[in-house]
Amino acid sequence: MWRYIAAGGLIGLFTSLIVLGFYEAGSFHWLAVYLHGCYAGIPLLSISGSPSLSSPLQYGAIIVTAFGIAGLAVDTVRPMFKFIVMFAAIFVIVATAPVLAMYGVLFEPVSVCTTAVMAGVTGLLFAQTESGRRKLLFLQVIGKRVSRQVMVDLARRPFGVSINGENRAVTVLVCRIVNCSDLCRNLRTREAINLFNHFLRKASEFLLGRGAYLDEWGPDGVRFYFGLPLADEGHADAACCAAFDLKVYLEKVGRECEDQWQEHVQCGIAVVSGEMTVGLCGSGSFTRFSALGKQPDLARRLCELSLNYGPTVLVSGNTLRQVREQMEFRLIEMFYQEEDKPAIEVHELLTVSGELADDEVMRRDAFSRGFASFREGDYVSALEHFETARCPSGTDRALEYYTILAKQKIE
């Protein structure tokens, strides 16, 4: 990550310049005289001549130590390892002085040790800042929750979200297996677990490839965010496109699962946008970036509606206002999340192209009129509109569901 290389380089540069400035000013000459006197009493370490230091050797040792220790202190993730490296370097520097004296070279280690301490402490202080903690967040918090390309983008620009938390408009995408109970009842334990893991792994790999952030992986579903941790103004559009393609992809995965386990997997996909509180949540190894708000719970509950409407993408919240012009929807449900609050409109995502054929537009509008009549209690009129909306080829689970309900109301 070039930011860490640049930070380590600057710390090493300024540290070496400061120490070399003191060295040229003679601040460490007294130690050369002291060491020369100490070595004089030891025949093996005796150095003839006046107590003069080897400037090229001292310069080289100071510069190499400054850049090396600064780079390790900035780039290394674990603080304890930073201290170990710093103290190991000091030990080696001190031990080098008598070794060089055996060969007639006077080398004073204090200036180099001072360089190691200054560079190490500065690197440690930098690592405690929000910018310095980015790599720790990458490895410990982000980890494998994003694709490699997103990691590269995170390294190239600001992290995208405050560590301390902030309010931001993001989009949550939830994909759930809604017939888990039936699958657990019909399959052996190991087979059921293998089926769930296989299906959700395929869904996760697909969404990671679309730039989504994996927030939670449970036994029955996964939750992803768009616009987190990197800010993205087109998060709602990206989430809807990914959800629509995911539905098509999971139909293929579902057929593979049915061939292998002889069980049909029913999944629901829901997309909800809105203003949420985002930031670091949890503690220690359980820390991760996440979002707090009503939207994640709403998306999870919307997935259950797929039991009625089949495998489809249900959209609610601010997503509709952001992508209505680019995509085609139809109102399919009025969802009451809270009893004392107005009903929430739930729309089915029909296509992401923004274009429907004339006959498809006609059937969509007929369904909408039938749904409105159904909500008003005019079930006879609703059936007439539903009949107009019927597709000659293929099935429309939502249409069949409301047709059956309307007939039951009439009876």
Protein backbone atom coordinates (compact mmCIF):
# COMPACT_ATOMS: atom_id res chain seq x y z
CA MET A 1 0.00 0.00 0.00
CA TRP A 2 1.66 3.14 -1.24
CA ARG A 3 0.26 5.26 1.61
CA TYR A 4 2.19 3.23 4.18
CA ILE A 5 5.34 3.28 2.04
CA ALA A 6 5.08 7.07 1.76
CA ALA A 7 4.40 7.50 5.49
CA GLY A 8 7.33 5.26 6.43
CA GLY A 9 9.58 7.06 3.97
CA LEU A 10 8.73 10.49 5.34
CA ILE A 11 9.21 9.39 8.95
CA GLY A 12 12.56 7.82 8.04
CA LEU A 13 13.66 10.91 6.12
CA PHE A 14 12.90 13.42 8.87
CA THR A 15 14.25 11.16 11.62
CA SER A 16 17.55 10.61 9.81
CA LEU A 17 17.89 14.34 9.05
CA ILE A 18 17.35 15.28 12.70
CA VAL A 19 19.84 12.74 14.04
CA LEU A 20 22.42 13.54 11.36
CA GLY A 21 22.06 17.19 12.23
CA PHE A 22 22.93 16.48 15.86
CA TYR A 23 25.74 14.18 14.71
CA GLU A 24 27.32 16.90 12.59
CA ALA A 25 26.95 19.32 15.48
CA GLY A 26 29.18 17.03 17.56
CA SER A 27 26.52 15.90 20.00
CA PHE A 28 27.79 12.31 19.92
CA HIS A 29 31.55 12.98 19.82
CA TRP A 30 31.87 12.62 23.57
CA LEU A 31 30.76 9.01 23.26
CA ALA A 32 33.50 8.31 20.72
CA VAL A 33 36.07 9.57 23.25
CA TYR A 34 34.50 7.49 26.00
CA LEU A 35 34.43 4.29 23.93
CA HIS A 36 38.02 4.86 22.77
CA GLY A 37 39.09 5.02 26.39
CA CYS A 38 37.13 1.89 27.32
CA TYR A 39 38.55 -0.09 24.42
CA ALA A 40 42.11 0.96 25.36
CA GLY A 41 41.99 -1.29 28.41
CA ILE A 42 40.94 -4.35 26.45
CA PRO A 43 43.71 -5.78 24.22
CA LEU A 44 41.29 -7.54 21.90
CA LEU A 45 39.30 -4.33 21.35
CA SER A 46 42.23 -1.91 21.35
CA ILE A 47 41.97 0.81 18.70
CA SER A 48 45.10 2.75 17.88
CA GLY A 49 45.19 6.39 17.01
CA SER A 50 42.85 9.23 17.96
CA PRO A 51 39.14 8.67 18.79
CA SER A 52 37.73 9.49 15.34
CA LEU A 53 34.50 8.01 14.00
CA SER A 54 33.93 6.61 10.54
CA SER A 55 31.45 9.14 9.15
CA PRO A 56 30.33 7.07 6.11
CA LEU A 57 29.62 4.11 8.41
CA GLN A 58 27.72 6.26 10.91
CA TYR A 59 25.76 7.98 8.13
CA GLY A 60 24.84 4.70 6.52
CA ALA A 61 23.79 3.09 9.82
CA ILE A 62 21.60 6.07 10.78
CA ILE A 63 19.88 6.28 7.39
CA VAL A 64 19.27 2.54 7.05
CA THR A 65 17.96 2.28 10.61
CA ALA A 66 15.67 5.29 10.23
CA PHE A 67 13.99 4.05 7.07
CA GLY A 68 13.91 0.39 8.13
CA ILE A 69 12.41 0.91 11.58
CA ALA A 70 9.96 3.55 10.34
CA GLY A 71 8.73 1.29 7.55
CA LEU A 72 8.24 -1.69 9.86
CA ALA A 73 6.56 0.42 12.57
CA VAL A 74 4.07 1.86 10.10
CA ASP A 75 3.37 -1.25 8.06
CA THR A 76 3.33 -3.95 10.75
CA VAL A 77 -0.13 -4.69 12.13
CA ARG A 78 0.60 -6.01 15.63
CA PRO A 79 1.93 -3.41 18.13
CA MET A 80 3.87 -6.04 20.09
CA PHE A 81 5.79 -7.04 16.98
CA LYS A 82 6.73 -3.39 16.45
CA PHE A 83 8.28 -3.23 19.93
CA ILE A 84 10.09 -6.53 19.35
CA VAL A 85 11.60 -5.28 16.09
CA MET A 86 12.66 -1.97 17.65
CA PHE A 87 14.35 -3.57 20.67
CA ALA A 88 15.98 -6.25 18.49
CA ALA A 89 17.43 -3.54 16.27
CA ILE A 90 18.82 -1.68 19.30
CA PHE A 91 20.39 -4.91 20.63
CA VAL A 92 22.05 -5.62 17.27
CA ILE A 93 23.32 -2.03 17.00
CA VAL A 94 24.85 -2.11 20.49
CA ALA A 95 26.44 -5.51 19.83
CA THR A 96 27.89 -4.26 16.54
CA ALA A 97 30.10 -1.65 18.25
CA PRO A 98 32.54 -4.06 19.99
CA VAL A 99 32.56 -6.36 16.96
CA LEU A 100 33.73 -3.52 14.71
CA ALA A 101 36.26 -2.50 17.36
CA MET A 102 37.90 -5.91 16.97
CA TYR A 103 38.71 -4.87 13.40
CA GLY A 104 39.97 -1.45 14.37
CA VAL A 105 36.80 0.49 13.51
CA LEU A 106 35.40 2.91 16.09
CA PHE A 107 31.58 2.91 15.94
CA GLU A 108 29.34 4.68 18.43
CA PRO A 109 25.83 3.09 18.72
CA VAL A 110 23.96 5.82 20.62
CA SER A 111 23.15 7.95 17.59
CA VAL A 112 21.90 4.91 15.69
CA CYS A 113 19.89 3.65 18.70
CA THR A 114 18.41 7.13 19.06
CA THR A 115 17.39 6.93 15.42
CA ALA A 116 15.73 3.55 16.00
CA VAL A 117 13.78 4.84 19.01
CA MET A 118 12.65 8.03 17.29
CA ALA A 119 11.57 6.26 14.12
CA GLY A 120 9.86 3.46 16.05
CA VAL A 121 7.96 5.74 18.42
CA THR A 122 6.88 8.05 15.58
CA GLY A 123 5.68 5.03 13.60
CA LEU A 124 3.76 3.76 16.62
CA LEU A 125 2.11 7.15 17.12
CA PHE A 126 1.16 7.28 13.45
CA ALA A 127 -0.32 3.78 13.69
CA GLN A 128 -2.70 5.00 16.40
CA THR A 129 -4.30 7.59 14.14
CA GLU A 130 -7.29 6.82 11.93
CA SER A 131 -5.11 6.90 8.83
CA GLY A 132 -2.51 4.69 10.45
CA ARG A 133 -5.09 2.10 11.50
CA ARG A 134 -6.37 1.58 7.98
CA LYS A 135 -4.29 -1.51 7.29
CA LEU A 136 -5.34 -3.04 10.60
CA LEU A 137 -8.93 -2.41 9.54
CA PHE A 138 -8.27 -3.91 6.13
CA LEU A 139 -6.93 -7.16 7.55
CA GLN A 140 -8.86 -7.52 10.79
CA VAL A 141 -12.19 -5.85 10.04
CA ILE A 142 -12.62 -5.97 6.28
CA GLY A 143 -10.71 -9.21 5.69
CA LYS A 144 -12.47 -11.33 3.10
CA ARG A 145 -15.70 -9.34 3.29
CA VAL A 146 -14.93 -7.52 0.05
CA SER A 147 -13.41 -8.45 -3.29
CA ARG A 148 -9.74 -7.96 -4.10
CA GLN A 149 -10.60 -5.02 -6.37
CA VAL A 150 -12.41 -3.23 -3.54
CA MET A 151 -9.38 -3.78 -1.31
CA VAL A 152 -7.21 -2.15 -3.96
CA ASP A 153 -9.62 0.80 -4.16
CA LEU A 154 -9.59 1.13 -0.38
CA ALA A 155 -5.80 1.32 -0.42
CA ARG A 156 -5.78 4.01 -3.09
CA ARG A 157 -8.21 6.48 -1.58
CA PRO A 158 -9.62 7.52 1.82
CA PHE A 159 -11.20 4.71 3.75
CA GLY A 160 -14.67 5.99 3.02
CA VAL A 161 -16.25 5.87 6.46
CA SER A 162 -15.32 7.33 9.81
CA ILE A 163 -14.10 4.84 12.38
CA ASN A 164 -16.16 6.64 15.00
CA GLY A 165 -19.37 6.36 12.97
CA GLU A 166 -21.43 8.60 10.73
CA ASN A 167 -24.82 8.78 9.03
CA ARG A 168 -24.82 7.76 5.39
CA ALA A 169 -27.25 6.62 2.71
CA VAL A 170 -26.46 2.99 1.88
CA THR A 171 -28.31 0.04 0.38
CA VAL A 172 -28.73 -3.33 2.06
CA LEU A 173 -29.24 -6.50 0.03
CA VAL A 174 -30.43 -9.61 1.82
CA CYS A 175 -30.61 -13.08 0.30
CA ARG A 176 -32.30 -15.77 2.39
CA ILE A 177 -33.27 -19.41 2.07
CA VAL A 178 -36.87 -19.22 3.24
CA ASN A 179 -37.73 -22.93 3.31
CA CYS A 180 -34.95 -23.93 5.70
CA SER A 181 -37.35 -25.79 8.01
CA ASP A 182 -38.61 -28.00 5.18
CA LEU A 183 -35.09 -28.71 3.98
CA CYS A 184 -33.90 -29.62 7.48
CA ARG A 185 -36.87 -31.93 7.89
CA ASN A 186 -36.44 -33.66 4.54
CA LEU A 187 -32.64 -33.98 4.53
CA ARG A 188 -30.12 -35.50 6.87
CA THR A 189 -28.25 -33.00 9.01
CA ARG A 190 -25.00 -33.14 7.06
CA GLU A 191 -26.80 -32.88 3.73
CA ALA A 192 -28.82 -29.88 4.86
CA ILE A 193 -25.72 -28.05 6.10
CA ASN A 194 -23.86 -28.81 2.87
CA LEU A 195 -26.80 -27.56 0.83
CA PHE A 196 -27.08 -24.29 2.79
CA ASN A 197 -23.33 -23.64 2.64
CA HIS A 198 -23.13 -24.39 -1.06
CA PHE A 199 -26.07 -22.18 -1.98
CA LEU A 200 -25.01 -19.22 0.17
CA ARG A 201 -21.37 -19.50 -0.86
CA LYS A 202 -22.41 -19.20 -4.50
CA ALA A 203 -24.55 -16.16 -3.68
CA SER A 204 -21.73 -14.54 -1.67
CA GLU A 205 -19.11 -15.10 -4.33
CA PHE A 206 -21.41 -13.55 -6.90
CA LEU A 207 -22.13 -10.44 -4.82
CA LEU A 208 -18.50 -9.98 -3.79
CA GLY A 209 -17.68 -9.91 -7.48
CA ARG A 210 -20.16 -7.05 -7.89
CA GLY A 211 -18.39 -4.86 -5.31
CA ALA A 212 -20.71 -5.56 -2.36
CA TYR A 213 -19.58 -5.66 1.27
CA LEU A 214 -20.40 -8.84 3.20
CA ASP A 215 -21.82 -7.78 6.56
CA GLU A 216 -23.31 -11.01 7.88
CA TRP A 217 -23.38 -14.67 6.92
CA GLY A 218 -25.94 -16.71 8.81
CA PRO A 219 -27.10 -20.31 8.47
CA ASP A 220 -30.10 -19.27 6.34
CA GLY A 221 -28.91 -16.18 4.50
CA VAL A 222 -26.39 -13.46 3.80
CA ARG A 223 -26.52 -9.68 4.12
CA PHE A 224 -24.54 -7.32 1.91
CA TYR A 225 -24.18 -3.55 1.73
CA PHE A 226 -23.58 -1.28 -1.23
CA GLY A 227 -21.99 2.09 -0.44
CA LEU A 228 -20.02 0.64 2.49
CA PRO A 229 -17.22 0.99 3.40
CA LEU A 230 -16.49 3.04 0.27
CA ALA A 231 -19.00 5.79 -0.41
CA ASP A 232 -20.85 5.33 -3.71
CA GLU A 233 -23.58 7.63 -4.98
CA GLY A 234 -24.85 4.87 -7.25
CA HIS A 235 -25.24 2.31 -4.46
CA ALA A 236 -28.97 1.78 -5.03
CA ASP A 237 -28.58 1.29 -8.77
CA ALA A 238 -25.64 -1.11 -8.25
CA ALA A 239 -27.61 -3.09 -5.66
CA CYS A 240 -30.68 -3.46 -7.90
CA CYS A 241 -28.61 -4.56 -10.89
CA ALA A 242 -26.71 -7.06 -8.74
CA ALA A 243 -29.92 -8.37 -7.17
CA PHE A 244 -31.61 -8.89 -10.54
CA ASP A 245 -28.59 -10.75 -11.92
CA LEU A 246 -28.30 -12.71 -8.69
CA LYS A 247 -31.89 -13.94 -9.07
CA VAL A 248 -31.08 -15.34 -12.51
CA TYR A 249 -27.83 -16.85 -11.26
CA LEU A 250 -29.44 -18.50 -8.24
CA GLU A 251 -32.06 -20.12 -10.43
CA LYS A 252 -29.21 -22.02 -12.06
CA VAL A 253 -27.63 -22.80 -8.68
CA GLY A 254 -31.03 -23.98 -7.43
CA ARG A 255 -31.30 -26.45 -10.29
CA GLU A 256 -27.84 -27.77 -9.46
CA CYS A 257 -28.87 -28.22 -5.83
CA GLU A 258 -32.06 -29.98 -6.86
CA ASP A 259 -30.06 -32.40 -9.02
CA GLN A 260 -27.66 -33.17 -6.19
CA TRP A 261 -29.93 -33.16 -3.14
CA GLN A 262 -33.35 -33.69 -4.77
CA GLU A 263 -34.77 -30.72 -2.87
CA HIS A 264 -36.05 -27.38 -4.15
CA VAL A 265 -34.47 -24.31 -2.58
CA GLN A 266 -36.73 -21.29 -2.17
CA CYS A 267 -34.81 -18.06 -1.79
CA GLY A 268 -35.85 -14.47 -1.33
CA ILE A 269 -33.92 -11.36 -2.34
CA ALA A 270 -34.72 -7.95 -0.93
CA VAL A 271 -33.14 -4.53 -1.52
CA VAL A 272 -33.75 -1.55 0.79
CA SER A 273 -31.99 1.82 0.81
CA GLY A 274 -32.01 4.55 3.38
CA GLU A 275 -30.07 6.72 5.80
CA MET A 276 -28.28 4.50 8.31
CA THR A 277 -25.69 4.88 11.05
CA VAL A 278 -22.51 3.20 9.86
CA GLY A 279 -19.19 2.58 11.60
CA LEU A 280 -17.17 0.08 13.57
CA CYS A 281 -19.36 -2.27 15.57
CA GLY A 282 -18.29 -4.96 18.00
CA SER A 283 -15.06 -5.49 19.88
CA GLY A 284 -11.78 -7.30 19.34
CA SER A 285 -11.86 -10.02 16.71
CA PHE A 286 -15.63 -9.54 16.44
CA THR A 287 -15.27 -5.97 15.14
CA ARG A 288 -16.65 -5.19 11.69
CA PHE A 289 -18.09 -2.33 9.74
CA SER A 290 -21.86 -2.43 9.77
CA ALA A 291 -24.96 -0.27 9.54
CA LEU A 292 -27.72 0.34 12.06
CA GLY A 293 -31.29 1.15 11.12
CA LYS A 294 -34.67 -0.30 10.26
CA GLN A 295 -33.68 -1.14 6.71
CA PRO A 296 -31.75 -4.39 7.40
CA ASP A 297 -34.62 -5.84 9.43
CA LEU A 298 -37.13 -4.77 6.78
CA ALA A 299 -35.08 -6.43 4.04
CA ARG A 300 -34.90 -9.65 6.01
CA ARG A 301 -38.66 -9.70 6.53
CA LEU A 302 -39.34 -8.92 2.88
CA CYS A 303 -37.46 -12.05 1.89
CA GLU A 304 -40.17 -14.13 3.55
CA LEU A 305 -42.68 -12.80 1.01
CA SER A 306 -41.00 -14.95 -1.62
CA LEU A 307 -42.97 -17.86 -0.17
CA ASN A 308 -45.99 -16.19 -1.78
CA TYR A 309 -44.45 -14.56 -4.84
CA GLY A 310 -41.71 -17.01 -5.77
CA PRO A 311 -38.08 -16.15 -6.50
CA THR A 312 -38.15 -12.44 -7.20
CA VAL A 313 -36.44 -9.23 -6.15
CA LEU A 314 -38.45 -7.08 -3.77
CA VAL A 315 -37.50 -3.44 -3.37
CA SER A 316 -38.57 -0.86 -0.82
CA GLY A 317 -37.42 2.31 0.87
CA ASN A 318 -35.48 5.09 -0.83
CA THR A 319 -34.27 2.67 -3.47
CA LEU A 320 -37.38 3.31 -5.53
CA ARG A 321 -36.89 7.06 -5.66
CA GLN A 322 -33.26 6.69 -6.73
CA VAL A 323 -33.66 4.13 -9.51
CA ARG A 324 -37.28 4.45 -10.66
CA GLU A 325 -36.29 6.12 -13.92
CA GLN A 326 -33.72 3.47 -14.84
CA MET A 327 -35.69 0.34 -13.88
CA GLU A 328 -39.18 -1.09 -14.10
CA PHE A 329 -41.18 -2.01 -11.00
CA ARG A 330 -44.70 -2.98 -10.04
CA LEU A 331 -46.38 -2.56 -6.68
CA ILE A 332 -46.88 -6.00 -5.19
CA GLU A 333 -47.45 -5.59 -1.45
CA MET A 334 -48.30 -3.07 1.27
CA PHE A 335 -46.15 -4.11 4.20
CA TYR A 336 -46.89 -3.05 7.78
CA GLN A 337 -43.61 -3.02 9.68
CA GLU A 338 -45.13 -1.21 12.66
CA GLU A 339 -48.79 -1.16 13.61
CA ASP A 340 -48.96 2.59 14.27
CA LYS A 341 -47.03 3.51 11.12
CA PRO A 342 -48.26 3.81 7.52
CA ALA A 343 -47.88 0.78 5.30
CA ILE A 344 -44.63 0.43 3.37
CA GLU A 345 -44.85 -0.04 -0.35
CA VAL A 346 -43.06 -3.13 -1.63
CA HIS A 347 -42.31 -3.30 -5.34
CA GLU A 348 -41.14 -6.15 -7.52
CA LEU A 349 -38.15 -5.42 -9.75
CA LEU A 350 -39.19 -6.45 -13.25
CA THR A 351 -36.16 -5.48 -15.29
CA VAL A 352 -33.07 -3.35 -14.94
CA SER A 353 -33.00 -2.21 -18.54
CA GLY A 354 -35.71 0.41 -18.08
CA GLU A 355 -37.52 -0.85 -21.16
CA LEU A 356 -40.46 -3.23 -21.42
CA ALA A 357 -42.19 -4.53 -24.51
CA ASP A 358 -45.67 -3.14 -25.20
CA ASP A 359 -47.40 -6.37 -24.16
CA GLU A 360 -45.35 -6.49 -20.96
CA VAL A 361 -46.29 -2.91 -20.15
CA MET A 362 -49.94 -3.78 -20.72
CA ARG A 363 -49.77 -6.76 -18.35
CA ARG A 364 -47.91 -4.76 -15.74
CA ASP A 365 -50.50 -1.99 -15.80
CA ALA A 366 -53.33 -4.54 -15.70
CA PHE A 367 -51.80 -6.16 -12.65
CA SER A 368 -51.44 -2.76 -10.97
CA ARG A 369 -55.11 -1.97 -11.59
CA GLY A 370 -56.08 -5.39 -10.30
CA PHE A 371 -53.95 -4.94 -7.18
CA ALA A 372 -55.56 -1.55 -6.54
CA SER A 373 -59.05 -3.09 -6.90
CA PHE A 374 -58.05 -5.91 -4.59
CA ARG A 375 -56.90 -3.41 -1.95
CA GLU A 376 -60.21 -1.58 -2.26
CA GLY A 377 -62.20 -4.81 -1.82
CA ASP A 378 -63.54 -4.97 -5.40
CA TYR A 379 -62.52 -8.58 -5.98
CA VAL A 380 -64.62 -9.09 -9.12
CA SER A 381 -62.92 -6.18 -10.86
CA ALA A 382 -59.57 -7.39 -9.54
CA LEU A 383 -60.09 -10.80 -11.17
CA GLU A 384 -60.92 -9.17 -14.49
CA HIS A 385 -57.71 -7.16 -14.42
CA PHE A 386 -55.71 -10.17 -13.29
CA GLU A 387 -57.05 -12.16 -16.20
CA THR A 388 -55.89 -9.42 -18.56
CA ALA A 389 -52.47 -9.46 -16.92
CA ARG A 390 -52.04 -13.20 -17.40
CA CYS A 391 -49.04 -14.17 -19.54
CA PRO A 392 -49.72 -16.72 -22.32
CA SER A 393 -46.41 -18.45 -21.64
CA GLY A 394 -44.76 -18.90 -18.28
CA THR A 395 -46.08 -18.35 -14.79
CA ASP A 396 -46.50 -15.28 -12.64
CA ARG A 397 -46.46 -16.37 -9.00
CA ALA A 398 -47.61 -13.00 -7.70
CA LEU A 399 -50.50 -12.95 -10.16
CA GLU A 400 -51.52 -16.49 -9.22
CA TYR A 401 -51.30 -15.65 -5.52
CA TYR A 402 -53.64 -12.65 -5.74
CA THR A 403 -55.96 -14.46 -8.14
CA ILE A 404 -56.44 -17.26 -5.61
CA LEU A 405 -56.97 -14.75 -2.79
CA ALA A 406 -59.54 -12.82 -4.83
CA LYS A 407 -61.49 -16.01 -5.63
CA GLN A 408 -61.44 -16.99 -1.98
CA LYS A 409 -62.81 -13.57 -1.01
CA ILE A 410 -65.65 -13.88 -3.51
CA GLU A 411 -66.57 -17.37 -2.31
